[in-house]
Amino acid sequence: MSATEIVAKAKAADGRARLRWPHYLLIAAGLLVLLSLVRLIDDADDVTSSGTVSAALRLAVPIFLAGLGGLWSERSGVINIGLEGMMILGTWTGAWAGYQWGPWIGVLFGVLGGALGGLLHAIATVTFGVDHIVSGVAINILGLGLTQFLAGLIFNTGEAKALGGGPRQSPPVDPIRTLTLPVLSGGEIGGWKSPDWLGSLERHHWFLVSDVAGILRGLTSGMSLLTLVAVLLVPLSFLVLWRTAFGLRIRSCGEDPYAAESLGVHVYRMKYAAVMISGGFSGLAGAFLVTIAAPLYQDGQTGGRGFIGLAAMIFGNWRPGGLAAGSLLFGYTDAMNVRGGGQAVHALLLFVAVLLIMVAAWQAVRGNRLRPLVATDLGRREVRNAYIGAALALVASAGLLAWFLTSEAVAGELVSFTPHLTTLLVLALASQRLRMPASNGLRYRRGEAR
């Protein structure tokens, strides 16, 4: 059996047809139309404003970078819950190098700091066979404690302190250049003030047209070069993992390392490479935080984004496209908290209620299609689960509609909890269709019998 056959066998075991790009585009178009209707009904212009889209992208980037790190590691069969600790290492090393030698050197050192955390995780799990969860927790504790110690030791003395450093923060890091498309999104070129066509369309608040203009302007105005690089890493990861021999070997190690070993794949080497790349992505996420999100290192800066990135990876079913969609969802709800406040989240109540009605209808249709299978225990269980899912979706939709109709805004305490609630709901709803790599988290020893 070749490495290609190992991965093909894993796909066959999944037993589900995958959606193609035309399906995703139709779904995205339908969601945009629904969002535009909700914006008009509730007069919540921040729902699709360029500011909200720009903030959502900025907040989503560190999440999907950490999620990409988890994707690389777990596709090789190594569970990595140490993403948060590797991000923390990336924030400190990125800020330490960034304030001295510039932001791009800081980005490079952030990647190296995260990769060092990945190396430690690989040594523990691949070489010594330590439980992957235990090693990940240790990396998180080590990253937090080590950076706090180093911050007090280096940033609170000498030149660093004179430049604004302290026991819990670094001196400021110079910003990375941003890009704005002239004519479409405004900006200035050599003193010439460019037109802002998309901004003009957005300010009219027309149905769908202004929403599309706001989204496009948010993606083409004030985008940093590092954000552009980070976005390009999503298709690059897909191409490497699914279109190259190197990526095929890594995925075969995550599906069946013993079969890969029998074909001459150096499983230890592939796992080491994947986990160190994982750490590098997490370190890049940390460097993004200290160069784009805030121009300095601060204690507690990651705010659990490594864990949210892990949740986005699971939601995306261990694939880059789904991971990017999940990260944007979490970033968008966080942006609602930052910019839109209670009114924008109030409009989302109606949006989610309509989506739940659609989910209920889909589950009911699915249950009807499965009715011929009730003669078997598995068929009865599937039909029952489909109808129960439809009923629960209807009940939840009715509750959200009642909330929407009886209120004018959502309380601030609930608005701040929205990103975390979204994480829980998405994982709960997506759990039925998930399939992680078959050998993910299992201890591997060369030459052992399975």
Protein backbone atom coordinates (compact mmCIF):
# COMPACT_ATOMS: atom_id res chain seq x y z
CA MET A 1 0.00 0.00 0.00
CA SER A 2 1.46 3.37 -1.04
CA ALA A 3 1.23 6.60 0.95
CA THR A 4 -1.46 7.77 -1.49
CA GLU A 5 -3.49 4.62 -0.80
CA ILE A 6 -3.16 5.14 2.97
CA VAL A 7 -4.74 8.60 2.72
CA ALA A 8 -7.36 7.41 0.20
CA LYS A 9 -8.38 4.64 2.58
CA ALA A 10 -8.84 7.22 5.34
CA LYS A 11 -11.03 9.32 3.05
CA ALA A 12 -13.16 6.29 2.19
CA ALA A 13 -13.62 5.55 5.88
CA ASP A 14 -15.11 9.00 6.31
CA GLY A 15 -17.99 7.98 4.04
CA ARG A 16 -19.21 11.50 3.26
CA ALA A 17 -19.13 13.47 0.03
CA ARG A 18 -17.31 16.77 0.40
CA LEU A 19 -18.76 20.09 -0.71
CA ARG A 20 -17.01 21.71 -3.67
CA TRP A 21 -16.11 25.36 -4.24
CA PRO A 22 -19.35 26.17 -6.15
CA HIS A 23 -21.34 24.96 -3.13
CA TYR A 24 -19.30 27.12 -0.77
CA LEU A 25 -19.76 30.16 -3.00
CA LEU A 26 -23.53 29.63 -3.12
CA ILE A 27 -23.65 29.25 0.67
CA ALA A 28 -21.57 32.43 1.14
CA ALA A 29 -23.83 34.37 -1.26
CA GLY A 30 -26.95 33.19 0.58
CA LEU A 31 -25.50 34.16 3.96
CA LEU A 32 -24.57 37.61 2.63
CA VAL A 33 -28.10 38.20 1.33
CA LEU A 34 -29.55 37.15 4.69
CA LEU A 35 -27.09 39.37 6.57
CA SER A 36 -28.03 42.33 4.38
CA LEU A 37 -31.72 41.78 5.08
CA VAL A 38 -31.05 41.59 8.81
CA ARG A 39 -29.06 44.83 8.65
CA LEU A 40 -31.94 46.65 6.96
CA ILE A 41 -34.59 45.26 9.32
CA ASP A 42 -32.71 46.20 12.50
CA ASP A 43 -30.94 49.29 11.10
CA ALA A 44 -27.58 47.90 12.30
CA ASP A 45 -25.13 49.28 9.75
CA ASP A 46 -22.09 48.02 11.66
CA VAL A 47 -22.99 44.42 10.78
CA THR A 48 -21.29 44.69 7.36
CA SER A 49 -19.35 47.95 7.66
CA SER A 50 -15.78 48.15 6.39
CA GLY A 51 -14.57 48.89 9.91
CA THR A 52 -16.16 45.72 11.26
CA VAL A 53 -14.76 43.62 8.40
CA SER A 54 -11.28 45.08 8.86
CA ALA A 55 -11.43 44.44 12.62
CA ALA A 56 -12.74 40.90 12.05
CA LEU A 57 -9.83 40.08 9.74
CA ARG A 58 -7.31 41.55 12.16
CA LEU A 59 -8.80 39.57 15.05
CA ALA A 60 -9.09 36.37 12.99
CA VAL A 61 -5.47 36.27 11.74
CA PRO A 62 -3.80 35.15 15.01
CA ILE A 63 -6.56 32.58 15.48
CA PHE A 64 -6.16 30.94 12.07
CA LEU A 65 -2.35 31.10 12.30
CA ALA A 66 -2.52 29.17 15.57
CA GLY A 67 -5.09 26.85 14.00
CA LEU A 68 -2.78 26.23 11.04
CA GLY A 69 -0.12 25.28 13.55
CA GLY A 70 -2.47 22.76 15.11
CA LEU A 71 -3.42 21.48 11.64
CA TRP A 72 0.18 20.71 10.65
CA SER A 73 0.91 18.95 13.92
CA GLU A 74 -2.26 16.87 14.09
CA ARG A 75 -2.09 15.86 10.42
CA SER A 76 1.19 14.17 11.38
CA GLY A 77 -0.51 12.40 14.33
CA VAL A 78 0.71 14.66 17.18
CA ILE A 79 -1.97 16.43 19.24
CA ASN A 80 -0.83 19.96 20.01
CA ILE A 81 -2.70 21.79 22.76
CA GLY A 82 0.50 23.72 23.48
CA LEU A 83 -0.40 26.28 20.79
CA GLU A 84 -1.10 28.92 23.42
CA GLY A 85 2.33 28.50 25.03
CA MET A 86 4.04 28.64 21.63
CA MET A 87 2.11 31.83 20.82
CA ILE A 88 3.29 33.34 24.10
CA LEU A 89 6.90 32.49 23.24
CA GLY A 90 6.35 34.15 19.85
CA THR A 91 5.03 37.35 21.45
CA TRP A 92 8.06 37.73 23.71
CA THR A 93 10.77 36.85 21.18
CA GLY A 94 9.02 38.94 18.51
CA ALA A 95 8.85 42.01 20.75
CA TRP A 96 12.41 41.55 22.06
CA ALA A 97 13.88 41.50 18.56
CA GLY A 98 11.32 43.91 17.08
CA TYR A 99 12.03 46.94 19.25
CA GLN A 100 15.78 46.57 18.63
CA TRP A 101 16.04 45.65 14.92
CA GLY A 102 12.66 46.40 13.40
CA PRO A 103 9.27 44.67 13.07
CA TRP A 104 10.21 42.18 10.31
CA ILE A 105 13.17 40.90 12.33
CA GLY A 106 10.72 40.65 15.22
CA VAL A 107 8.42 38.52 13.06
CA LEU A 108 11.32 36.22 12.18
CA PHE A 109 12.31 35.82 15.84
CA GLY A 110 8.67 35.23 16.77
CA VAL A 111 8.56 32.31 14.33
CA LEU A 112 11.81 30.95 15.78
CA GLY A 113 10.50 31.28 19.35
CA GLY A 114 7.37 29.33 18.50
CA ALA A 115 9.39 26.72 16.59
CA LEU A 116 11.53 26.23 19.71
CA GLY A 117 8.36 25.42 21.65
CA GLY A 118 7.38 23.01 18.87
CA LEU A 119 10.79 21.34 19.10
CA LEU A 120 10.34 20.78 22.84
CA HIS A 121 6.89 19.29 22.21
CA ALA A 122 8.30 16.99 19.49
CA ILE A 123 11.15 15.80 21.73
CA ALA A 124 8.70 14.96 24.50
CA THR A 125 6.03 13.26 22.39
CA VAL A 126 7.88 11.76 19.42
CA THR A 127 11.20 10.77 20.99
CA PHE A 128 10.23 10.02 24.60
CA GLY A 129 6.61 9.02 24.06
CA VAL A 130 5.16 11.45 26.62
CA ASP A 131 1.37 11.77 26.54
CA HIS A 132 0.54 14.52 24.03
CA ILE A 133 -1.92 16.31 26.31
CA VAL A 134 0.52 16.35 29.24
CA SER A 135 3.30 17.71 27.03
CA GLY A 136 1.01 20.42 25.60
CA VAL A 137 -0.05 21.56 29.05
CA ALA A 138 3.61 21.68 30.09
CA ILE A 139 4.45 23.85 27.05
CA ASN A 140 1.64 26.26 27.99
CA ILE A 141 2.90 26.55 31.57
CA LEU A 142 6.51 26.89 30.44
CA GLY A 143 5.71 29.58 27.87
CA LEU A 144 3.78 31.68 30.36
CA GLY A 145 6.28 31.38 33.19
CA LEU A 146 9.40 31.81 31.06
CA THR A 147 8.17 34.95 29.28
CA GLN A 148 7.07 36.56 32.56
CA PHE A 149 10.52 35.90 34.02
CA LEU A 150 12.35 37.19 30.94
CA ALA A 151 10.15 40.29 30.70
CA GLY A 152 11.02 41.29 34.25
CA LEU A 153 14.69 40.48 33.69
CA ILE A 154 15.21 42.26 30.34
CA PHE A 155 12.42 44.78 29.69
CA ASN A 156 12.60 46.34 33.17
CA THR A 157 16.27 47.30 33.06
CA GLY A 158 18.69 49.48 31.10
CA GLU A 159 17.87 50.74 27.64
CA ALA A 160 14.65 48.73 27.37
CA LYS A 161 13.24 50.43 30.48
CA ALA A 162 14.28 53.85 29.19
CA LEU A 163 12.38 53.17 25.95
CA GLY A 164 9.15 52.38 27.80
CA GLY A 165 9.60 48.79 28.90
CA GLY A 166 8.58 47.38 32.25
CA PRO A 167 8.16 44.14 34.22
CA ARG A 168 5.02 43.24 32.24
CA GLN A 169 5.59 44.88 28.87
CA SER A 170 8.24 45.60 26.23
CA PRO A 171 9.24 48.89 24.59
CA PRO A 172 7.08 49.80 21.56
CA VAL A 173 7.73 48.06 18.22
CA ASP A 174 7.67 50.10 15.00
CA PRO A 175 4.53 49.45 12.91
CA ILE A 176 4.52 47.42 9.70
CA ARG A 177 3.47 49.24 6.53
CA THR A 178 -0.19 49.04 5.50
CA LEU A 179 -1.71 48.87 2.01
CA THR A 180 -4.80 50.65 0.65
CA LEU A 181 -6.01 50.23 -2.92
CA PRO A 182 -6.26 53.68 -4.54
CA VAL A 183 -9.48 54.76 -6.23
CA LEU A 184 -11.41 51.82 -4.77
CA SER A 185 -10.68 52.43 -1.06
CA GLY A 186 -9.15 55.91 -0.88
CA GLY A 187 -5.78 56.76 0.62
CA GLU A 188 -3.11 59.22 -0.52
CA ILE A 189 -0.35 58.83 -3.12
CA GLY A 190 2.34 61.53 -3.14
CA GLY A 191 -0.03 64.13 -1.73
CA TRP A 192 -2.85 63.19 -4.13
CA LYS A 193 -5.99 62.18 -2.28
CA SER A 194 -7.47 59.19 -4.08
CA PRO A 195 -11.22 58.71 -4.59
CA ASP A 196 -12.99 56.21 -2.37
CA TRP A 197 -15.59 54.52 -4.60
CA LEU A 198 -16.30 51.60 -2.27
CA GLY A 199 -16.65 53.95 0.69
CA SER A 200 -19.14 56.06 -1.24
CA LEU A 201 -21.26 52.99 -2.05
CA GLU A 202 -21.07 51.80 1.54
CA ARG A 203 -22.35 55.09 2.94
CA HIS A 204 -25.58 54.82 0.89
CA HIS A 205 -26.61 51.73 2.93
CA TRP A 206 -28.31 50.11 -0.07
CA PHE A 207 -29.46 46.52 0.10
CA LEU A 208 -26.65 44.08 -0.76
CA VAL A 209 -24.68 46.60 -2.87
CA SER A 210 -23.52 48.58 0.17
CA ASP A 211 -22.83 45.37 2.07
CA VAL A 212 -20.58 44.03 -0.70
CA ALA A 213 -18.85 47.43 -0.91
CA GLY A 214 -18.29 47.50 2.86
CA ILE A 215 -16.80 43.99 2.87
CA LEU A 216 -14.51 44.74 -0.09
CA ARG A 217 -13.40 48.05 1.42
CA GLY A 218 -12.64 46.34 4.73
CA LEU A 219 -10.38 43.90 2.86
CA THR A 220 -8.62 46.55 0.72
CA SER A 221 -8.15 49.45 3.12
CA GLY A 222 -5.39 49.67 5.70
CA MET A 223 -4.33 46.01 5.40
CA SER A 224 -0.84 45.39 6.76
CA LEU A 225 1.71 43.46 4.72
CA LEU A 226 1.95 40.86 7.48
CA THR A 227 -1.83 40.31 7.30
CA LEU A 228 -1.52 39.70 3.56
CA VAL A 229 1.31 37.21 4.14
CA ALA A 230 -0.72 35.44 6.82
CA VAL A 231 -3.79 35.13 4.56
CA LEU A 232 -1.67 33.63 1.78
CA LEU A 233 -0.42 30.95 4.18
CA VAL A 234 -3.87 29.28 4.11
CA PRO A 235 -3.80 28.27 0.40
CA LEU A 236 -0.06 27.62 0.69
CA SER A 237 -0.65 25.13 3.51
CA PHE A 238 -3.32 23.41 1.43
CA LEU A 239 -1.02 23.14 -1.59
CA VAL A 240 1.86 21.75 0.47
CA LEU A 241 -0.17 19.26 2.51
CA TRP A 242 -2.47 18.04 -0.30
CA ARG A 243 -0.47 18.58 -3.47
CA THR A 244 3.15 17.67 -2.62
CA ALA A 245 4.98 14.45 -1.73
CA PHE A 246 6.16 16.05 1.52
CA GLY A 247 2.59 16.82 2.58
CA LEU A 248 1.43 13.35 1.58
CA ARG A 249 4.09 11.78 3.78
CA ILE A 250 3.05 13.93 6.73
CA ARG A 251 -0.63 13.02 6.33
CA SER A 252 0.20 9.33 5.93
CA CYS A 253 2.03 9.49 9.29
CA GLY A 254 -1.15 10.85 10.87
CA GLU A 255 -3.36 8.17 9.31
CA ASP A 256 -1.20 5.04 9.62
CA PRO A 257 2.45 5.56 10.66
CA TYR A 258 3.25 1.82 10.55
CA ALA A 259 2.10 1.52 6.94
CA ALA A 260 4.05 4.69 6.12
CA GLU A 261 7.11 3.20 7.83
CA SER A 262 6.83 0.04 5.72
CA LEU A 263 7.03 2.23 2.59
CA GLY A 264 10.25 3.88 3.67
CA VAL A 265 8.81 7.09 5.14
CA HIS A 266 10.97 8.35 8.02
CA VAL A 267 8.04 8.82 10.43
CA TYR A 268 10.06 10.43 13.24
CA ARG A 269 11.55 12.97 10.84
CA MET A 270 8.13 13.84 9.38
CA LYS A 271 6.59 14.26 12.83
CA TYR A 272 9.46 16.48 13.98
CA ALA A 273 9.15 18.64 10.88
CA ALA A 274 5.37 18.99 11.23
CA VAL A 275 5.44 19.85 14.94
CA MET A 276 8.20 22.43 14.48
CA ILE A 277 6.28 23.99 11.58
CA SER A 278 3.28 23.98 13.91
CA GLY A 279 5.28 25.90 16.50
CA GLY A 280 6.49 28.32 13.83
CA PHE A 281 2.91 29.15 12.81
CA SER A 282 1.96 29.69 16.45
CA GLY A 283 5.01 31.90 16.97
CA LEU A 284 3.99 33.90 13.88
CA ALA A 285 0.56 34.37 15.47
CA GLY A 286 2.28 35.73 18.56
CA ALA A 287 4.50 38.03 16.47
CA PHE A 288 1.35 39.31 14.73
CA LEU A 289 -0.04 40.34 18.11
CA VAL A 290 3.03 42.42 19.00
CA THR A 291 3.45 44.07 15.59
CA ILE A 292 -0.12 44.56 14.28
CA ALA A 293 -2.73 44.08 17.02
CA ALA A 294 -0.69 46.07 19.58
CA PRO A 295 2.82 47.45 18.93
CA LEU A 296 4.42 45.89 22.03
CA TYR A 297 4.54 42.79 24.20
CA GLN A 298 2.20 42.67 27.20
CA ASP A 299 1.68 39.95 29.77
CA GLY A 300 -1.46 37.93 28.98
CA GLN A 301 -1.59 39.32 25.45
CA THR A 302 -2.64 36.08 23.72
CA GLY A 303 -5.90 35.93 25.69
CA GLY A 304 -6.56 32.25 24.94
CA ARG A 305 -6.35 32.67 21.16
CA GLY A 306 -4.27 29.51 20.91
CA PHE A 307 -7.15 27.50 22.36
CA ILE A 308 -9.66 29.25 20.08
CA GLY A 309 -7.37 28.42 17.15
CA LEU A 310 -7.49 24.78 18.22
CA ALA A 311 -11.30 24.99 18.29
CA ALA A 312 -11.31 26.58 14.81
CA MET A 313 -9.13 23.74 13.51
CA ILE A 314 -11.55 21.14 14.89
CA PHE A 315 -14.53 23.05 13.46
CA GLY A 316 -12.75 23.09 10.09
CA ASN A 317 -12.42 19.28 10.22
CA TRP A 318 -8.62 19.44 10.08
CA ARG A 319 -8.64 21.23 6.70
CA PRO A 320 -7.28 24.74 5.90
CA GLY A 321 -10.46 26.06 4.23
CA GLY A 322 -12.76 25.08 7.08
CA LEU A 323 -10.20 26.38 9.57
CA ALA A 324 -10.13 29.78 7.84
CA ALA A 325 -13.95 29.94 7.85
CA GLY A 326 -14.11 29.06 11.54
CA SER A 327 -11.44 31.65 12.40
CA LEU A 328 -13.30 34.36 10.48
CA LEU A 329 -16.48 33.42 12.36
CA PHE A 330 -14.75 33.82 15.71
CA GLY A 331 -13.01 37.00 14.58
CA TYR A 332 -16.31 38.45 13.33
CA THR A 333 -18.14 37.85 16.59
CA ASP A 334 -15.20 39.40 18.45
CA ALA A 335 -15.34 42.41 16.11
CA MET A 336 -19.04 42.76 16.91
CA ASN A 337 -18.02 43.05 20.55
CA VAL A 338 -15.33 45.64 19.77
CA ARG A 339 -17.21 47.83 17.27
CA GLY A 340 -20.90 47.05 16.94
CA GLY A 341 -21.88 46.61 20.54
CA GLY A 342 -25.36 45.61 21.63
CA GLN A 343 -27.19 46.82 18.52
CA ALA A 344 -25.12 44.78 16.06
CA VAL A 345 -25.32 41.64 18.21
CA HIS A 346 -29.08 42.22 18.50
CA ALA A 347 -29.33 42.05 14.70
CA LEU A 348 -27.37 38.80 14.77
CA LEU A 349 -30.08 37.26 16.95
CA LEU A 350 -32.46 37.41 13.99
CA PHE A 351 -29.72 36.17 11.65
CA VAL A 352 -29.03 33.10 13.79
CA ALA A 353 -32.75 32.45 14.32
CA VAL A 354 -33.33 32.26 10.55
CA LEU A 355 -30.29 29.99 10.16
CA LEU A 356 -31.66 27.65 12.82
CA ILE A 357 -34.99 27.44 10.96
CA MET A 358 -33.03 26.39 7.87
CA VAL A 359 -31.12 23.82 9.91
CA ALA A 360 -34.41 22.43 11.28
CA ALA A 361 -35.82 22.11 7.75
CA TRP A 362 -32.65 20.36 6.54
CA GLN A 363 -32.71 17.92 9.46
CA ALA A 364 -36.38 17.15 8.84
CA VAL A 365 -35.73 16.46 5.14
CA ARG A 366 -32.75 14.30 6.12
CA GLY A 367 -34.92 12.34 8.54
CA ASN A 368 -37.50 11.68 5.83
CA ARG A 369 -34.83 10.45 3.43
CA LEU A 370 -33.48 8.06 6.08
CA ARG A 371 -36.90 6.57 6.93
CA PRO A 372 -36.40 3.54 4.63
CA LEU A 373 -33.47 2.56 6.87
CA VAL A 374 -35.52 2.21 10.08
CA ALA A 375 -35.34 -1.57 9.79
CA THR A 376 -31.81 -1.46 11.23
CA ASP A 377 -30.69 -0.18 14.63
CA LEU A 378 -28.28 2.27 13.01
CA GLY A 379 -30.99 3.57 10.68
CA ARG A 380 -33.46 4.09 13.54
CA ARG A 381 -30.80 5.95 15.50
CA GLU A 382 -29.98 8.22 12.54
CA VAL A 383 -33.66 9.02 11.89
CA ARG A 384 -34.26 9.72 15.57
CA ASN A 385 -31.22 12.01 15.78
CA ALA A 386 -32.33 13.92 12.69
CA TYR A 387 -35.80 14.62 14.08
CA ILE A 388 -34.45 15.49 17.51
CA GLY A 389 -31.98 17.91 15.89
CA ALA A 390 -34.83 19.53 13.92
CA ALA A 391 -36.92 19.94 17.08
CA LEU A 392 -34.05 21.43 19.08
CA ALA A 393 -33.22 23.86 16.26
CA LEU A 394 -36.85 25.03 16.13
CA VAL A 395 -36.99 25.54 19.90
CA ALA A 396 -33.72 27.52 19.87
CA SER A 397 -34.95 29.58 16.90
CA ALA A 398 -38.19 30.42 18.67
CA GLY A 399 -36.27 31.53 21.76
CA LEU A 400 -33.98 33.80 19.73
CA LEU A 401 -36.92 35.30 17.81
CA ALA A 402 -38.70 36.05 21.08
CA TRP A 403 -35.54 37.66 22.43
CA PHE A 404 -35.15 39.74 19.26
CA LEU A 405 -38.78 40.95 19.27
CA THR A 406 -38.90 41.83 22.96
CA SER A 407 -35.61 43.78 23.15
CA GLU A 408 -33.87 46.63 21.36
CA ALA A 409 -30.24 45.79 22.18
CA VAL A 410 -28.19 43.09 23.86
CA ALA A 411 -26.68 43.78 27.29
CA GLY A 412 -22.99 44.60 27.31
CA GLU A 413 -22.12 41.60 29.50
CA LEU A 414 -23.63 39.23 26.93
CA VAL A 415 -21.93 41.07 24.07
CA SER A 416 -18.50 40.45 25.60
CA PHE A 417 -19.38 36.76 26.02
CA THR A 418 -20.47 36.36 22.37
CA PRO A 419 -17.12 35.08 20.97
CA HIS A 420 -16.86 32.38 23.66
CA LEU A 421 -20.50 31.35 23.24
CA THR A 422 -19.96 31.12 19.48
CA THR A 423 -16.99 28.81 20.05
CA LEU A 424 -19.08 26.44 22.19
CA LEU A 425 -22.08 26.42 19.83
CA VAL A 426 -20.02 25.87 16.68
CA LEU A 427 -18.13 22.94 18.17
CA ALA A 428 -21.35 21.40 19.50
CA LEU A 429 -23.10 21.68 16.12
CA ALA A 430 -20.07 20.51 14.12
CA SER A 431 -19.24 17.48 16.28
CA GLN A 432 -21.38 15.09 14.19
CA ARG A 433 -19.34 15.49 10.98
CA LEU A 434 -15.80 15.55 12.35
CA ARG A 435 -13.11 13.00 11.56
CA MET A 436 -9.63 13.58 12.89
CA PRO A 437 -6.58 11.73 11.49
CA ALA A 438 -6.89 8.05 12.44
CA SER A 439 -3.63 7.86 14.42
CA ASN A 440 -3.84 11.30 15.99
CA GLY A 441 -2.52 11.22 19.55
CA LEU A 442 -1.38 7.59 19.43
CA ARG A 443 2.10 6.65 20.62
CA TYR A 444 4.33 5.45 17.78
CA ARG A 445 7.47 3.35 18.11
CA ARG A 446 9.48 2.33 15.06
CA GLY A 447 9.37 -1.41 14.37
CA GLU A 448 6.69 -2.21 16.96
CA ALA A 449 3.74 -4.41 16.06
CA ARG A 450 0.43 -2.57 15.88
